[in-house]
Amino acid sequence: QIIVLNKDTLVAVYGTRNSATSGSAVYTASSGVFYSNDGGLTWADNNPSFMQIETVNIEIDPNDLAQNTWLAFVGNKSIKQVQSAPGVYRSTNRGVNWINVYNQSALSGTFHPTLPNELYICTEVMGLQYATNTNSDSFSTNNVASYPFRRPQKIFFNPYNVNEVWASSFGNGFRVGTTNITTGFFSYNSAIQNTPILYPNPTAGNLSFSQTLYDIEVFNIYGQSVLEKIKTAKNISVQELLDGIYFIRTGNFVLKFIVKH
C-alpha cells in the first residue's frame, strides 16, 4: 500500500513476508509503516517490534489537515514471534511514535466521510467495530451486531450517498447496508431504495435532483453551511460556490456533489 500525501511525500505499508522454504511459516521483521519525503529515495523506519511482522493497512486521519495523524492496523501473526500486540496504533507525528488505541487484531479502518472522528474497524476475529473519539488516544468501540461475519476486510462508502455502506470480507462476499447519519451505525439492508440522484455531477452551475427534496442544506467538507437552507426544490444553483466537494443534507440522506467550473 502506498499513499501520496500533500507536497508529494509518501507513506508505504509492507505486509507479512514468509522466508521459510518449507514447513511452518517464518515471518521476517520487514513489515511496518515507512515514510519518505524525497520521492522514495530514502525511507524512515520507526516501527516498534509489534508492527514489524504484520502491519496490514494505514489510514491517514482526514480530520488532521496537516496529515500528521496516522492509524496503523496490525494483524496477529506477530503473536508467533514477538510481543503479542496486534491492534490499531495511532501516531500524531508521522510515524515517529505509536500509541495503541485498540487491542484486537485489525485488518483495516475507514473514516466516516461526514462524521468527524468516527470510523469502522475491520477485525480479524471480532467482526465489524465502530469507533468514536478517534481524535484522542482513548477510542470508544462498539460491535456492529448487524454485520453477520467475523472477518470483514474493508468498508467503503458510496461517494454519492454517504448513508450507503459496502463491506467486503474474507469468505463472505460483499454486503451493503445503510448507516444513520446521526450515529454512523451500520444496519444490513440488501435493497436500498428511493435514494435521490444528483445530476449533472460534477456541475458548474445548476444541480438537479431525481425527485423533489425538502429542507435542503448544503455544506462543505468541513461541515460549514455554504448556502441558505432551502425548504423544497427539484434543482438549485451552485454556480457561486468555489470548485470542490460539497454535501447536501435532506431528510435521512447526505449526498455528495462536486463543483468544477
Protein backbone atom coordinates (compact mmCIF):
# COMPACT_ATOMS: atom_id res chain seq x y z
CA GLN A 1 0.00 0.00 0.00
CA ILE A 2 1.32 3.43 -0.98
CA ILE A 3 -0.30 6.76 -0.12
CA VAL A 4 0.79 10.10 -1.55
CA LEU A 5 0.47 12.92 0.98
CA ASN A 6 0.47 16.65 0.35
CA LYS A 7 3.73 18.01 -1.07
CA ASP A 8 4.49 14.66 -2.74
CA THR A 9 5.61 12.87 0.42
CA LEU A 10 4.92 9.12 0.56
CA VAL A 11 3.69 6.61 3.11
CA ALA A 12 4.10 2.89 2.38
CA VAL A 13 2.95 -0.24 4.18
CA TYR A 14 4.75 -3.54 3.74
CA GLY A 15 2.81 -6.60 4.86
CA THR A 16 3.93 -10.04 6.04
CA ARG A 17 6.90 -11.79 4.45
CA ASN A 18 7.38 -15.53 4.82
CA SER A 19 11.03 -16.56 4.42
CA ALA A 20 10.52 -20.30 5.03
CA THR A 21 11.29 -22.57 2.08
CA SER A 22 9.23 -25.41 3.58
CA GLY A 23 7.31 -26.29 6.72
CA SER A 24 5.89 -23.73 9.13
CA ALA A 25 5.88 -20.08 8.13
CA VAL A 26 8.73 -17.89 9.34
CA TYR A 27 7.77 -14.23 9.21
CA THR A 28 10.61 -11.77 8.92
CA ALA A 29 10.76 -8.43 10.73
CA SER A 30 10.20 -6.50 7.49
CA SER A 31 6.64 -5.26 7.87
CA GLY A 32 5.51 -1.83 9.03
CA VAL A 33 4.80 1.75 8.03
CA PHE A 34 7.53 3.65 6.19
CA TYR A 35 7.75 7.35 5.31
CA SER A 36 9.64 9.17 2.55
CA ASN A 37 9.93 12.90 1.91
CA ASP A 38 12.25 12.59 -1.08
CA GLY A 39 10.11 10.70 -3.57
CA GLY A 40 11.03 7.25 -2.30
CA LEU A 41 14.82 7.53 -2.42
CA THR A 42 15.07 7.05 1.35
CA TRP A 43 12.58 5.79 3.92
CA ALA A 44 12.16 6.44 7.64
CA ASP A 45 11.62 3.27 9.69
CA ASN A 46 10.35 3.88 13.24
CA ASN A 47 8.35 0.68 13.60
CA PRO A 48 8.22 -0.89 17.06
CA SER A 49 8.69 -4.69 17.24
CA PHE A 50 4.96 -5.48 17.28
CA MET A 51 4.46 -3.72 13.92
CA GLN A 52 7.34 -5.49 12.15
CA ILE A 53 5.60 -8.79 11.36
CA GLU A 54 2.10 -7.94 10.09
CA THR A 55 1.10 -4.34 9.56
CA VAL A 56 -1.84 -4.67 7.20
CA ASN A 57 -3.10 -1.16 6.43
CA ILE A 58 -2.59 2.54 7.11
CA GLU A 59 -5.22 5.29 7.22
CA ILE A 60 -4.37 8.99 7.16
CA ASP A 61 -6.79 10.77 9.50
CA PRO A 62 -8.83 13.14 7.26
CA ASN A 63 -9.66 15.31 10.29
CA ASP A 64 -5.99 16.34 10.56
CA LEU A 65 -5.45 18.71 7.64
CA ALA A 66 -1.68 18.64 8.24
CA GLN A 67 -1.79 14.85 7.63
CA ASN A 68 0.34 14.16 10.71
CA THR A 69 -2.12 11.69 12.29
CA TRP A 70 -1.98 8.12 11.03
CA LEU A 71 -3.68 4.88 12.09
CA ALA A 72 -1.86 1.57 11.53
CA PHE A 73 -3.80 -1.72 11.54
CA VAL A 74 -1.79 -4.68 12.81
CA GLY A 75 -2.67 -8.37 12.48
CA ASN A 76 -1.95 -11.27 14.82
CA LYS A 77 0.93 -13.03 13.06
CA SER A 78 3.17 -11.09 15.45
CA ILE A 79 1.98 -13.40 18.24
CA LYS A 80 4.14 -16.22 16.90
CA GLN A 81 7.48 -14.46 17.21
CA VAL A 82 7.38 -11.24 19.20
CA GLN A 83 5.29 -9.48 21.80
CA SER A 84 1.58 -10.25 21.42
CA ALA A 85 0.30 -6.82 20.43
CA PRO A 86 -1.98 -6.79 17.39
CA GLY A 87 -4.46 -3.93 17.14
CA VAL A 88 -4.78 -0.34 15.97
CA TYR A 89 -1.94 2.10 16.59
CA ARG A 90 -2.15 5.88 16.35
CA SER A 91 0.66 8.30 15.53
CA THR A 92 0.37 12.08 15.62
CA ASN A 93 3.89 12.77 14.33
CA ARG A 94 4.02 10.89 11.02
CA GLY A 95 5.05 7.54 12.41
CA VAL A 96 7.81 8.59 14.80
CA ASN A 97 5.83 7.35 17.84
CA TRP A 98 2.86 4.98 18.08
CA ILE A 99 0.19 4.51 20.78
CA ASN A 100 -2.17 1.52 20.95
CA VAL A 101 -5.82 2.61 20.72
CA TYR A 102 -7.49 -0.76 20.04
CA ASN A 103 -6.04 -4.11 21.13
CA GLN A 104 -7.68 -6.69 18.84
CA SER A 105 -6.19 -7.93 15.58
CA ALA A 106 -7.19 -5.38 12.93
CA LEU A 107 -7.24 -5.53 9.13
CA SER A 108 -8.28 -2.02 8.07
CA GLY A 109 -10.20 1.09 9.02
CA THR A 110 -12.44 3.56 7.19
CA PHE A 111 -13.29 7.03 8.50
CA HIS A 112 -16.86 8.20 8.17
CA PRO A 113 -16.88 10.84 5.39
CA THR A 114 -19.10 13.35 7.24
CA LEU A 115 -18.94 12.44 10.94
CA PRO A 116 -15.62 13.70 12.34
CA ASN A 117 -13.53 11.33 14.47
CA GLU A 118 -15.59 8.21 13.81
CA LEU A 119 -14.58 5.15 11.83
CA TYR A 120 -15.27 1.50 11.12
CA ILE A 121 -12.62 -1.05 12.13
CA CYS A 122 -12.45 -4.39 10.30
CA THR A 123 -11.08 -7.00 12.69
CA GLU A 124 -9.75 -10.50 12.16
CA VAL A 125 -11.94 -12.31 14.69
CA MET A 126 -14.17 -9.67 16.35
CA GLY A 127 -16.32 -8.73 13.36
CA LEU A 128 -17.04 -5.14 12.45
CA GLN A 129 -16.41 -2.47 15.08
CA TYR A 130 -17.48 1.18 15.14
CA ALA A 131 -15.11 3.59 16.87
CA THR A 132 -15.68 7.11 18.17
CA ASN A 133 -13.34 9.61 19.86
CA THR A 134 -10.69 8.88 17.24
CA ASN A 135 -9.21 12.33 17.76
CA SER A 136 -7.81 11.03 21.06
CA ASP A 137 -5.80 8.03 22.26
CA SER A 138 -8.90 6.61 24.01
CA PHE A 139 -11.14 5.12 21.33
CA SER A 140 -14.65 4.00 22.25
CA THR A 141 -15.69 0.95 20.20
CA ASN A 142 -18.97 -0.90 19.71
CA ASN A 143 -19.57 -4.12 17.85
CA VAL A 144 -21.78 -3.74 14.78
CA ALA A 145 -24.02 -6.69 15.61
CA SER A 146 -25.98 -6.40 12.37
CA TYR A 147 -22.92 -7.34 10.31
CA PRO A 148 -23.02 -11.17 10.26
CA PHE A 149 -19.40 -12.20 9.69
CA ARG A 150 -16.34 -12.13 11.91
CA ARG A 151 -13.74 -11.11 9.30
CA PRO A 152 -14.70 -8.07 7.20
CA GLN A 153 -11.80 -6.82 5.09
CA LYS A 154 -12.67 -3.23 4.16
CA ILE A 155 -15.54 -0.75 4.42
CA PHE A 156 -16.43 1.57 1.52
CA PHE A 157 -18.86 4.49 1.46
CA ASN A 158 -20.84 5.31 -1.66
CA PRO A 159 -19.30 8.64 -2.78
CA TYR A 160 -22.72 9.86 -3.93
CA ASN A 161 -24.66 8.75 -0.84
CA VAL A 162 -22.80 8.56 2.47
CA ASN A 163 -25.70 6.61 4.01
CA GLU A 164 -24.82 3.62 1.81
CA VAL A 165 -22.03 1.39 3.14
CA TRP A 166 -20.37 -1.56 1.44
CA ALA A 167 -18.42 -4.26 3.30
CA SER A 168 -16.03 -6.69 1.66
CA SER A 169 -14.97 -9.77 3.59
CA PHE A 170 -12.61 -12.74 3.72
CA GLY A 171 -15.02 -15.53 2.75
CA ASN A 172 -18.45 -13.88 2.98
CA GLY A 173 -18.63 -11.82 -0.20
CA PHE A 174 -19.89 -8.23 -0.40
CA ARG A 175 -22.70 -6.86 1.71
CA VAL A 176 -24.39 -3.49 1.51
CA GLY A 177 -26.09 -1.63 4.31
CA THR A 178 -27.29 1.76 5.43
CA THR A 179 -25.91 4.00 8.12
CA ASN A 180 -27.81 6.53 10.20
CA ILE A 181 -26.19 9.92 9.58
CA THR A 182 -26.58 10.83 13.27
CA THR A 183 -24.81 7.81 14.72
CA GLY A 184 -22.98 6.28 11.76
CA PHE A 185 -24.23 2.83 12.75
CA PHE A 186 -24.38 0.08 10.14
CA SER A 187 -27.57 -1.94 9.62
CA TYR A 188 -27.81 -4.64 6.97
CA ASN A 189 -30.12 -3.85 4.08
CA SER A 190 -29.80 -5.67 0.78
CA ALA A 191 -32.20 -3.37 -1.12
CA ILE A 192 -31.58 0.36 -0.76
CA GLN A 193 -34.38 2.27 -2.44
CA ASN A 194 -35.52 5.83 -3.08
CA THR A 195 -32.04 7.32 -2.85
CA PRO A 196 -32.09 10.71 -4.64
CA ILE A 197 -29.72 11.13 -7.57
CA LEU A 198 -27.91 14.42 -8.24
CA TYR A 199 -27.06 15.45 -11.81
CA PRO A 200 -25.01 16.64 -13.57
CA ASN A 201 -22.25 15.71 -11.14
CA PRO A 202 -19.72 17.39 -11.34
CA THR A 203 -21.55 20.59 -12.16
CA ALA A 204 -20.57 24.18 -12.91
CA GLY A 205 -23.95 25.80 -12.44
CA ASN A 206 -27.31 24.11 -11.73
CA LEU A 207 -27.70 20.87 -9.79
CA SER A 208 -30.86 18.86 -10.42
CA PHE A 209 -32.48 16.11 -8.33
CA SER A 210 -34.22 12.94 -9.44
CA GLN A 211 -37.05 13.77 -7.01
CA THR A 212 -38.23 16.79 -5.07
CA LEU A 213 -36.09 17.33 -1.95
CA TYR A 214 -37.13 19.04 1.26
CA ASP A 215 -35.25 21.02 3.93
CA ILE A 216 -32.11 21.14 1.82
CA GLU A 217 -28.83 22.10 3.47
CA VAL A 218 -25.55 22.48 1.56
CA PHE A 219 -22.23 22.30 3.37
CA ASN A 220 -18.54 21.87 2.58
CA ILE A 221 -16.11 19.15 3.68
CA TYR A 222 -15.53 20.99 6.97
CA GLY A 223 -19.24 20.87 7.85
CA GLN A 224 -19.74 24.60 7.20
CA SER A 225 -23.01 25.72 5.65
CA VAL A 226 -22.38 27.42 2.28
CA LEU A 227 -25.93 28.18 1.09
CA GLU A 228 -29.11 29.28 2.81
CA LYS A 229 -31.41 26.41 3.77
CA ILE A 230 -33.95 25.66 1.04
CA LYS A 231 -37.41 24.45 2.01
CA THR A 232 -38.21 22.47 -1.13
CA ALA A 233 -36.71 22.22 -4.63
CA LYS A 234 -36.16 20.00 -7.65
CA ASN A 235 -32.90 21.83 -8.53
CA ILE A 236 -30.63 24.51 -7.09
CA SER A 237 -27.94 26.87 -8.35
CA VAL A 238 -24.40 26.26 -7.08
CA GLN A 239 -22.55 28.44 -9.60
CA GLU A 240 -21.33 30.81 -6.87
CA LEU A 241 -19.55 28.03 -4.99
CA LEU A 242 -15.81 27.52 -5.42
CA ASP A 243 -14.51 24.36 -7.05
CA GLY A 244 -14.53 21.49 -4.59
CA ILE A 245 -16.51 18.75 -2.86
CA TYR A 246 -19.84 19.54 -1.17
CA PHE A 247 -22.69 17.70 0.50
CA ILE A 248 -26.47 18.08 0.53
CA ARG A 249 -28.35 17.02 3.64
CA THR A 250 -32.05 16.32 3.08
CA GLY A 251 -34.17 14.17 5.38
CA ASN A 252 -32.25 10.95 6.12
CA PHE A 253 -29.84 11.39 3.20
CA VAL A 254 -26.47 13.06 2.82
CA LEU A 255 -25.49 13.31 -0.85
CA LYS A 256 -22.13 14.29 -2.30
CA PHE A 257 -21.58 16.53 -5.32
CA ILE A 258 -18.63 18.25 -6.96
CA VAL A 259 -18.43 21.80 -8.28
CA LYS A 260 -16.00 22.23 -11.17
CA HIS A 261 -16.12 25.37 -13.30
